Protein backbone atom coordinates (compact mmCIF):
# COMPACT_ATOMS: atom_id res chain seq x y z
CA UNK A 1 -18.33 22.23 -15.49
CA UNK A 2 -16.92 21.76 -18.93
CA UNK A 3 -17.43 18.26 -20.22
CA UNK A 4 -14.27 16.60 -21.49
CA UNK A 5 -14.13 14.73 -24.76
CA UNK A 6 -16.64 11.90 -24.47
CA UNK A 7 -14.86 9.26 -26.48
CA UNK A 8 -11.23 8.44 -26.03
CA UNK A 9 -10.53 7.56 -29.65
CA UNK A 10 -7.76 5.02 -29.61
CA UNK A 11 -6.06 4.35 -32.90
CA UNK A 12 -5.27 0.69 -33.48
CA UNK A 13 -1.50 0.51 -33.84
CA UNK A 14 0.57 -1.36 -36.39
CA UNK A 15 1.26 -3.95 -33.73
CA UNK A 16 -2.45 -4.66 -33.39
CA UNK A 17 -4.31 -4.04 -36.63
CA UNK A 18 -2.73 -1.55 -38.95
CA UNK A 19 -4.32 -0.63 -42.24
CA UNK A 20 -7.83 -1.71 -41.36
CA UNK A 21 -10.38 -2.03 -44.12
CA UNK A 22 -12.33 1.07 -43.27
CA UNK A 23 -11.19 4.25 -41.64
CA UNK A 24 -14.18 4.12 -39.30
CA UNK A 25 -13.01 0.72 -38.02
CA UNK A 26 -9.73 2.22 -36.88
CA UNK A 27 -11.38 4.19 -34.08
CA UNK A 28 -13.39 2.64 -31.26
CA UNK A 29 -15.08 4.25 -28.26
CA UNK A 30 -13.50 3.35 -24.93
CA UNK A 31 -15.16 3.52 -21.52
CA UNK A 32 -13.35 4.77 -18.45
CA UNK A 33 -14.60 6.05 -15.12
CA UNK A 34 -13.46 9.57 -15.99
CA UNK A 35 -15.25 9.61 -19.33
CA UNK A 36 -18.47 7.99 -18.15
CA UNK A 37 -20.51 11.17 -17.60
CA UNK A 38 -19.47 12.51 -20.97
CA UNK A 39 -20.34 9.19 -22.59
CA UNK A 40 -23.83 9.33 -21.14
CA UNK A 41 -24.26 12.84 -22.51
CA UNK A 42 -23.02 11.71 -25.91
CA UNK A 43 -25.28 8.65 -25.94
CA UNK A 44 -28.38 10.75 -25.38
CA UNK A 45 -27.42 13.87 -27.29
CA UNK A 46 -26.00 12.52 -30.53
CA UNK A 47 -29.23 12.72 -32.50
CA UNK A 48 -29.30 8.95 -33.05
CA UNK A 49 -33.04 8.36 -33.48
CA UNK A 50 -35.03 5.38 -34.68
CA UNK A 51 -35.47 7.13 -38.01
CA UNK A 52 -31.71 7.69 -38.30
CA UNK A 53 -31.10 4.04 -37.50
CA UNK A 54 -33.57 2.98 -40.19
CA UNK A 55 -31.70 5.09 -42.76
CA UNK A 56 -28.53 3.17 -41.91
CA UNK A 57 -30.09 -0.20 -42.82
CA UNK A 58 -27.90 -2.10 -45.29
CA UNK A 59 -29.08 -5.74 -45.38
CA UNK A 60 -26.27 -6.70 -47.74
CA UNK A 61 -23.85 -5.94 -44.90
CA UNK A 62 -24.62 -9.27 -43.26
CA UNK A 63 -23.90 -11.44 -46.32
CA UNK A 64 -21.70 -14.36 -45.26
CA UNK A 65 -18.16 -14.95 -46.50
CA UNK A 66 -17.69 -17.57 -49.21
CA UNK A 67 -15.55 -20.46 -47.98
CA UNK A 68 -12.93 -22.35 -49.99
CA UNK A 69 -13.27 -26.12 -50.29
CA UNK A 70 -10.44 -26.77 -47.82
CA UNK A 71 -12.44 -25.28 -44.93
CA UNK A 72 -14.42 -28.25 -43.68
CA UNK A 73 -17.87 -28.11 -42.09
CA UNK A 74 -18.84 -31.70 -41.17
CA UNK A 75 -22.23 -32.48 -39.70
CA UNK A 76 -22.61 -30.43 -36.54
CA UNK A 77 -23.68 -33.56 -34.67
CA UNK A 78 -20.26 -35.10 -35.39
CA UNK A 79 -18.42 -32.34 -33.51
CA UNK A 80 -17.08 -33.11 -30.04
CA UNK A 81 -17.57 -29.63 -28.63
CA UNK A 82 -20.65 -28.97 -26.51
CA UNK A 83 -22.29 -25.85 -25.15
CA UNK A 84 -22.36 -24.42 -21.67
CA UNK A 85 -24.73 -27.08 -20.33
CA UNK A 86 -24.02 -29.79 -22.90
CA UNK A 87 -26.00 -28.40 -25.85
CA UNK A 88 -25.34 -29.72 -29.35
CA UNK A 89 -23.59 -27.22 -31.64
CA UNK A 90 -25.29 -25.45 -34.53
CA UNK A 91 -23.26 -24.12 -37.46
CA UNK A 92 -23.24 -20.33 -37.79
CA UNK A 93 -24.71 -20.55 -41.29
CA UNK A 94 -27.99 -21.73 -39.71
CA UNK A 95 -28.32 -18.40 -37.90
CA UNK A 96 -29.63 -15.97 -40.48
CA UNK A 97 -31.75 -12.86 -40.75
CA UNK A 98 -33.84 -11.65 -43.68
CA UNK A 99 -33.77 -8.14 -45.20
CA UNK A 100 -37.27 -7.51 -43.86
CA UNK A 101 -36.21 -8.57 -40.37
CA UNK A 102 -33.18 -6.28 -40.61
CA UNK A 103 -35.46 -3.37 -41.39
CA UNK A 104 -37.55 -4.24 -38.33
CA UNK A 105 -34.41 -4.24 -36.19
CA UNK A 106 -33.31 -0.92 -37.64
CA UNK A 107 -36.62 0.63 -36.65
CA UNK A 108 -36.03 -0.27 -33.01
CA UNK A 109 -33.03 2.03 -32.55
CA UNK A 110 -31.15 -0.50 -30.39
CA UNK A 111 -27.86 0.20 -28.55
CA UNK A 112 -25.07 -2.26 -27.85
CA UNK A 113 -21.88 -2.41 -25.77
CA UNK A 114 -18.91 -4.64 -26.55
CA UNK A 115 -16.86 -5.70 -23.52
CA UNK A 116 -13.66 -6.93 -25.11
CA UNK A 117 -11.32 -9.22 -23.20
CA UNK A 118 -8.05 -8.34 -24.99
CA UNK A 119 -6.79 -5.98 -27.67
CA UNK A 120 -4.90 -8.13 -30.17
CA UNK A 121 -5.66 -8.69 -33.83
CA UNK A 122 -7.95 -11.60 -32.94
CA UNK A 123 -10.11 -9.43 -30.71
CA UNK A 124 -10.15 -6.55 -33.17
CA UNK A 125 -11.50 -8.96 -35.80
CA UNK A 126 -14.28 -10.21 -33.48
CA UNK A 127 -15.13 -6.60 -32.65
CA UNK A 128 -14.94 -5.60 -36.32
CA UNK A 129 -17.31 -8.36 -37.37
CA UNK A 130 -19.82 -7.38 -34.70
CA UNK A 131 -19.43 -3.70 -35.56
CA UNK A 132 -20.05 -4.25 -39.27
CA UNK A 133 -23.18 -6.32 -38.68
CA UNK A 134 -24.52 -3.97 -36.01
CA UNK A 135 -24.10 -0.99 -38.31
CA UNK A 136 -25.84 -2.85 -41.16
CA UNK A 137 -28.81 -3.45 -38.85
CA UNK A 138 -28.96 0.07 -37.45
CA UNK A 139 -27.79 -0.94 -33.98
CA UNK A 140 -25.62 1.71 -32.38
CA UNK A 141 -22.39 0.57 -30.67
CA UNK A 142 -22.27 2.97 -27.72
CA UNK A 143 -19.17 1.62 -25.95
CA UNK A 144 -16.18 -0.70 -26.33
CA UNK A 145 -14.10 -1.67 -23.30
CA UNK A 146 -11.15 -3.99 -22.71
CA UNK A 147 -10.86 -5.73 -19.36
CA UNK A 148 -7.74 -7.68 -20.40
CA UNK A 149 -8.69 -10.94 -18.63
CA UNK A 150 -9.09 -9.05 -15.33
CA UNK A 151 -12.32 -10.11 -13.61
CA UNK A 152 -12.42 -7.06 -11.35
CA UNK A 153 -12.13 -4.76 -14.35
CA UNK A 154 -14.83 -6.74 -16.14
CA UNK A 155 -17.28 -6.10 -13.29
CA UNK A 156 -16.35 -2.40 -13.37
CA UNK A 157 -16.89 -2.25 -17.14
CA UNK A 158 -20.37 -3.78 -16.79
CA UNK A 159 -21.37 -1.20 -14.20
CA UNK A 160 -19.97 1.63 -16.30
CA UNK A 161 -21.65 0.71 -19.58
CA UNK A 162 -24.99 0.17 -17.86
CA UNK A 163 -25.15 3.96 -17.46
CA UNK A 164 -25.44 4.11 -21.26
CA UNK A 165 -28.57 1.93 -21.13
CA UNK A 166 -27.53 -0.61 -23.78
CA UNK A 167 -30.06 -3.12 -25.06
CA UNK A 168 -27.32 -5.66 -25.83
CA UNK A 169 -23.97 -6.59 -24.26
CA UNK A 170 -21.36 -8.70 -26.02
CA UNK A 171 -18.57 -10.22 -23.96
CA UNK A 172 -16.34 -13.22 -23.30
CA UNK A 173 -15.85 -14.29 -19.70
CA UNK A 174 -12.98 -15.51 -17.59
CA UNK A 175 -14.61 -17.25 -14.62
CA UNK A 176 -18.12 -18.79 -14.82
CA UNK A 177 -19.00 -17.88 -11.22
CA UNK A 178 -17.53 -14.39 -11.14
CA UNK A 179 -18.98 -13.61 -14.58
CA UNK A 180 -22.48 -14.35 -13.35
CA UNK A 181 -22.10 -11.89 -10.48
CA UNK A 182 -20.55 -9.23 -12.71
CA UNK A 183 -23.36 -9.47 -15.26
CA UNK A 184 -26.18 -9.43 -12.72
CA UNK A 185 -26.84 -5.67 -13.10
CA UNK A 186 -27.35 -6.20 -16.84
CA UNK A 187 -29.57 -9.23 -16.27
CA UNK A 188 -31.69 -7.35 -13.74
CA UNK A 189 -32.12 -4.49 -16.23
CA UNK A 190 -33.26 -6.85 -19.00
CA UNK A 191 -30.20 -6.33 -21.21
CA UNK A 192 -29.67 -9.09 -23.79
CA UNK A 193 -26.32 -10.85 -23.29
CA UNK A 194 -24.35 -12.59 -26.05
CA UNK A 195 -21.28 -14.53 -24.95
CA UNK A 196 -18.23 -15.51 -26.98
CA UNK A 197 -16.29 -18.62 -25.92
CA UNK A 198 -17.47 -18.84 -22.29
CA UNK A 199 -20.71 -18.22 -20.42
CA UNK A 200 -21.61 -17.88 -16.75
CA UNK A 201 -22.25 -21.09 -14.83
CA UNK A 202 -25.34 -22.90 -16.04
CA UNK A 203 -26.60 -20.16 -18.36
CA UNK A 204 -28.15 -21.19 -21.66
CA UNK A 205 -30.53 -19.56 -24.13
CA UNK A 206 -33.41 -17.88 -22.24
CA UNK A 207 -31.99 -19.02 -18.87
CA UNK A 208 -31.84 -16.31 -17.63
CA UNK A 209 -34.54 -14.94 -19.92
CA UNK A 210 -32.32 -12.38 -21.64
CA UNK A 211 -29.28 -14.61 -22.24
CA UNK A 212 -29.17 -14.97 -26.02
CA UNK A 213 -26.54 -17.58 -26.86
CA UNK A 214 -22.97 -18.84 -26.52
CA UNK A 215 -20.87 -18.56 -29.69
CA UNK A 216 -17.75 -20.65 -30.14
CA UNK A 217 -16.17 -22.93 -32.74
CA UNK A 218 -15.04 -26.51 -33.25
CA UNK A 219 -12.69 -26.24 -30.29
CA UNK A 220 -11.40 -29.81 -30.33
CA UNK A 221 -10.92 -29.62 -34.09
CA UNK A 222 -8.93 -26.42 -33.67
CA UNK A 223 -6.38 -28.11 -31.43
CA UNK A 224 -6.39 -31.27 -33.53
CA UNK A 225 -5.54 -29.29 -36.67
CA UNK A 226 -2.34 -28.02 -35.05
CA UNK A 227 -1.47 -31.50 -33.76
CA UNK A 228 -1.72 -32.95 -37.27
CA UNK A 229 0.67 -30.32 -38.60
CA UNK A 230 3.12 -31.05 -35.77
CA UNK A 231 2.97 -34.76 -36.61
CA UNK A 232 3.53 -33.94 -40.27
CA UNK A 233 6.64 -31.93 -39.33
CA UNK A 234 7.95 -34.76 -37.10
CA UNK A 235 6.80 -38.03 -38.71
CA UNK A 236 9.44 -40.04 -36.86
CA UNK A 237 8.54 -38.63 -33.47
CA UNK A 238 9.62 -35.76 -31.25
CA UNK A 239 9.72 -34.55 -27.64
CA UNK A 240 7.18 -31.78 -27.14
CA UNK A 241 6.95 -29.26 -24.35
CA UNK A 242 3.42 -27.95 -23.84
CA UNK A 243 2.45 -24.68 -22.19
CA UNK A 244 -1.22 -24.72 -21.28
CA UNK A 245 -3.65 -22.11 -19.98
CA UNK A 246 -4.19 -22.75 -16.28
CA UNK A 247 -7.69 -21.30 -16.00
CA UNK A 248 -11.30 -22.48 -16.16
CA UNK A 249 -11.64 -21.15 -19.70
CA UNK A 250 -13.84 -23.51 -21.69
CA UNK A 251 -12.73 -22.55 -25.18
CA UNK A 252 -8.96 -22.76 -24.57
CA UNK A 253 -9.26 -25.83 -22.32
CA UNK A 254 -11.14 -27.74 -25.02
CA UNK A 255 -8.81 -26.90 -27.88
CA UNK A 256 -5.80 -27.90 -25.76
CA UNK A 257 -7.54 -31.22 -25.11
CA UNK A 258 -8.17 -31.60 -28.84
CA UNK A 259 -4.46 -31.01 -29.43
CA UNK A 260 -3.43 -33.64 -26.88
CA UNK A 261 -6.01 -36.21 -28.00
CA UNK A 262 -4.89 -35.93 -31.63
CA UNK A 263 -1.20 -35.97 -30.73
CA UNK A 264 -1.65 -39.30 -28.91
CA UNK A 265 -2.34 -40.86 -32.32
CA UNK A 266 1.13 -39.83 -33.53
CA UNK A 267 4.78 -40.48 -32.72
CA UNK A 268 5.15 -37.07 -31.04
CA UNK A 269 5.24 -37.34 -27.24
CA UNK A 270 4.40 -34.64 -24.71
CA UNK A 271 7.24 -34.89 -22.18
CA UNK A 272 6.34 -31.84 -20.08
CA UNK A 273 3.24 -29.69 -19.51
CA UNK A 274 3.67 -26.38 -17.72
CA UNK A 275 0.78 -24.17 -16.55
CA UNK A 276 0.41 -20.52 -17.54
CA UNK A 277 -2.22 -18.26 -15.96
CA UNK A 278 -0.80 -14.92 -17.14
CA UNK A 279 0.18 -14.80 -20.83
CA UNK A 280 2.58 -11.96 -20.09
CA UNK A 281 4.70 -14.32 -17.94
CA UNK A 282 5.17 -17.01 -20.58
CA UNK A 283 8.82 -16.10 -21.15
CA UNK A 284 9.72 -17.01 -17.56
CA UNK A 285 7.71 -20.24 -17.76
CA UNK A 286 9.39 -21.24 -21.03
CA UNK A 287 12.84 -20.47 -19.62
CA UNK A 288 12.14 -22.77 -16.69
CA UNK A 289 10.94 -25.47 -19.09
CA UNK A 290 14.09 -25.19 -21.21
CA UNK A 291 16.31 -25.42 -18.12
CA UNK A 292 14.64 -28.68 -17.06
CA UNK A 293 14.21 -30.14 -20.54
CA UNK A 294 17.01 -28.84 -22.77
CA UNK A 295 16.47 -31.56 -25.40
CA UNK A 296 12.94 -30.58 -26.48
CA UNK A 297 12.24 -30.84 -30.21
CA UNK A 298 9.11 -28.66 -30.38
CA UNK A 299 7.04 -26.39 -28.12
CA UNK A 300 3.28 -25.75 -28.10
CA UNK A 301 1.80 -22.39 -27.01
CA UNK A 302 -1.96 -21.93 -26.43
CA UNK A 303 -2.27 -18.75 -28.54
CA UNK A 304 -0.21 -16.02 -30.18
CA UNK A 305 0.51 -13.78 -27.16
CA UNK A 306 2.03 -16.60 -25.08
CA UNK A 307 3.89 -17.69 -28.22
CA UNK A 308 5.67 -14.32 -28.21
CA UNK A 309 6.90 -15.15 -24.71
CA UNK A 310 8.14 -18.53 -25.93
CA UNK A 311 10.07 -16.84 -28.72
CA UNK A 312 11.66 -14.41 -26.26
CA UNK A 313 12.78 -17.29 -24.03
CA UNK A 314 14.23 -19.19 -26.99
CA UNK A 315 16.11 -16.12 -28.13
CA UNK A 316 17.52 -15.53 -24.64
CA UNK A 317 18.63 -19.16 -24.46
CA UNK A 318 20.12 -19.12 -27.96
CA UNK A 319 17.91 -22.03 -29.02
CA UNK A 320 16.04 -22.63 -32.29
CA UNK A 321 13.22 -24.98 -31.34
CA UNK A 322 10.15 -25.08 -33.61
CA UNK A 323 6.96 -23.61 -32.14
CA UNK A 324 3.30 -24.38 -32.91
CA UNK A 325 0.38 -22.38 -31.57
CA UNK A 326 -3.33 -21.74 -31.96
CA UNK A 327 -4.72 -18.44 -33.32
CA UNK A 328 -3.17 -16.26 -36.00
CA UNK A 329 -0.58 -13.74 -34.88
CA UNK A 330 1.57 -11.17 -36.68
CA UNK A 331 4.86 -12.72 -35.59
CA UNK A 332 3.82 -16.22 -36.57
CA UNK A 333 2.50 -15.09 -39.94
CA UNK A 334 5.81 -13.49 -40.87
CA UNK A 335 7.86 -16.42 -39.61
CA UNK A 336 5.71 -18.95 -41.48
CA UNK A 337 5.71 -16.94 -44.70
CA UNK A 338 9.41 -16.13 -44.66
CA UNK A 339 10.63 -19.27 -42.83
CA UNK A 340 12.68 -17.00 -40.59
CA UNK A 341 11.75 -18.20 -37.12
CA UNK A 342 10.58 -21.02 -34.88
CA UNK A 343 6.83 -20.75 -35.57
CA UNK A 344 5.84 -23.16 -38.34
CA UNK A 345 2.07 -23.59 -37.94
CA UNK A 346 -0.91 -21.78 -36.46
CA UNK A 347 -4.64 -22.42 -36.55
CA UNK A 348 -7.64 -20.21 -36.28
CA UNK A 349 -11.36 -19.89 -36.81
CA UNK A 350 -13.63 -17.61 -38.77
CA UNK A 351 -13.06 -14.91 -36.16
CA UNK A 352 -14.71 -12.12 -38.13
CA UNK A 353 -17.83 -14.28 -38.57
CA UNK A 354 -17.82 -14.87 -34.83
CA UNK A 355 -18.53 -11.19 -34.29
CA UNK A 356 -21.09 -10.95 -37.08
CA UNK A 357 -22.91 -14.06 -35.87
CA UNK A 358 -23.16 -12.58 -32.38
CA UNK A 359 -24.77 -9.45 -33.77
CA UNK A 360 -27.22 -11.42 -35.93
CA UNK A 361 -28.15 -13.63 -32.98
CA UNK A 362 -28.81 -10.55 -30.84
CA UNK A 363 -30.97 -9.05 -33.59
CA UNK A 364 -33.04 -12.24 -33.89
CA UNK A 365 -33.50 -12.23 -30.13
CA UNK A 366 -34.72 -8.62 -30.23
CA UNK A 367 -37.39 -9.69 -32.72
CA UNK A 368 -38.48 -12.62 -30.57
CA UNK A 369 -37.04 -15.11 -33.08
CA UNK A 370 -35.47 -18.39 -31.83
CA UNK A 371 -31.69 -18.54 -31.43
CA UNK A 372 -29.74 -21.82 -31.01
CA UNK A 373 -28.09 -22.08 -27.57
CA UNK A 374 -24.64 -23.01 -28.92
CA UNK A 375 -23.42 -21.66 -32.25
CA UNK A 376 -20.05 -22.55 -33.81
CA UNK A 377 -17.89 -21.43 -36.73
CA UNK A 378 -15.41 -23.71 -38.56
CA UNK A 379 -11.67 -23.88 -37.91
CA UNK A 380 -8.63 -23.97 -40.17
CA UNK A 381 -4.89 -24.56 -40.00
CA UNK A 382 -2.53 -22.01 -41.55
CA UNK A 383 0.79 -23.00 -43.07
CA UNK A 384 2.81 -21.34 -45.81
CA UNK A 385 0.75 -22.75 -48.69
CA UNK A 386 -2.56 -21.26 -47.50
CA UNK A 387 -1.45 -18.49 -45.15
CA UNK A 388 -2.82 -15.48 -47.04
CA UNK A 389 -6.22 -17.00 -47.74
CA UNK A 390 -6.53 -18.39 -44.20
CA UNK A 391 -5.60 -15.02 -42.69
CA UNK A 392 -8.11 -13.07 -44.76
CA UNK A 393 -10.86 -15.61 -44.05
CA UNK A 394 -10.24 -15.54 -40.31
CA UNK A 395 -10.00 -11.77 -40.00
CA UNK A 396 -12.52 -10.85 -42.69
CA UNK A 397 -10.13 -8.42 -44.38
CA UNK A 398 -10.22 -6.18 -41.29
CA UNK A 399 -6.66 -7.02 -40.20
CA UNK A 400 -4.23 -7.20 -43.13
CA UNK A 401 -1.48 -9.78 -43.34
CA UNK A 402 1.80 -8.01 -42.43
CA UNK A 403 3.63 -6.56 -45.43
CA UNK A 404 6.77 -8.53 -44.62
CA UNK A 405 4.81 -11.77 -44.71
CA UNK A 406 3.07 -10.86 -47.96
CA UNK A 407 6.40 -10.04 -49.60
CA UNK A 408 7.70 -13.54 -48.77
CA UNK A 409 4.75 -15.43 -50.21
CA UNK A 410 4.62 -16.58 -53.85
CA UNK A 411 2.91 -14.02 -56.08
């Protein structure tokens, strides 16, 4: 039987990450049940040998970004965030790999799979960071999936990619209990697992033996940064409506708490909190909020996709209420730069470095080198005065700031 094309090459659209830095980063392999057999054939018949991997070694490809002075990295022990089982955080800059170690990794001819949880600019930057570092260390990325916060699909993706015999799996989970069950086939096979944001149950480094680390950021500080900008916008006080993520999702839960804790120090009062479990239904939730509280002064959204739903609800209601959210989105960037819409502040992290740090941690693990159990990257707020620099830092140059936003910023 004729084998169909093994890799469904999906071009990242303008709405996700147009104009990426390298042409190769524009195309990513996708796993589906129909393509699985062809993917297996490709994985074993592509001529990717240990020698070929060694030739691809480029140690300079894991050089860290230089940070401006306004990105703060206080003592890690001063951070509120804790790991999966209460571990102290370690800054990402403490997780390094030498050129000689990179050459050792290259000689191993390792394979990795990236199980993405969404497809927005944020996720493309995490993937891009991992992809760049993996390529620099001769680790072949054999599959990229997107389970879109669907736990059933996540379990399916794990089973599918296991047919490609990866040595490493990168992922971010949704439910600590369900994630553990979904990843069990990988654990049983000895696959190294690196988690972004959330990890199964009581997992920590080497428990189970092949769990590498949990990578996150100063979650409380991320929410607090947005709260400070809201307070700056409303120094005399305001009524805030908050939409929060109604899920056991450590990263988002903690940054929402950081937002609320910081806001309590200000004159801005949260008058209503409404749960959201599906970001695609945020418009309906916001409409219900506006009907009950028509005199709100400002609205908080947990990240950029729900913020789009908030904007749609405001437009439908004919209201112009300022909006603050976490994470950098295309809509928010243009509205902040051009002052044309409700969004006035966003915050983010070194998302690109998230991905690169995960790859470096996995490489250290493959060499038997110690890896901290909880690794974090710094956070930053983005307003009009630092939007371009903040955007490029967060996304590592992989996702360009929208042209419309760039045209509005001072030259």
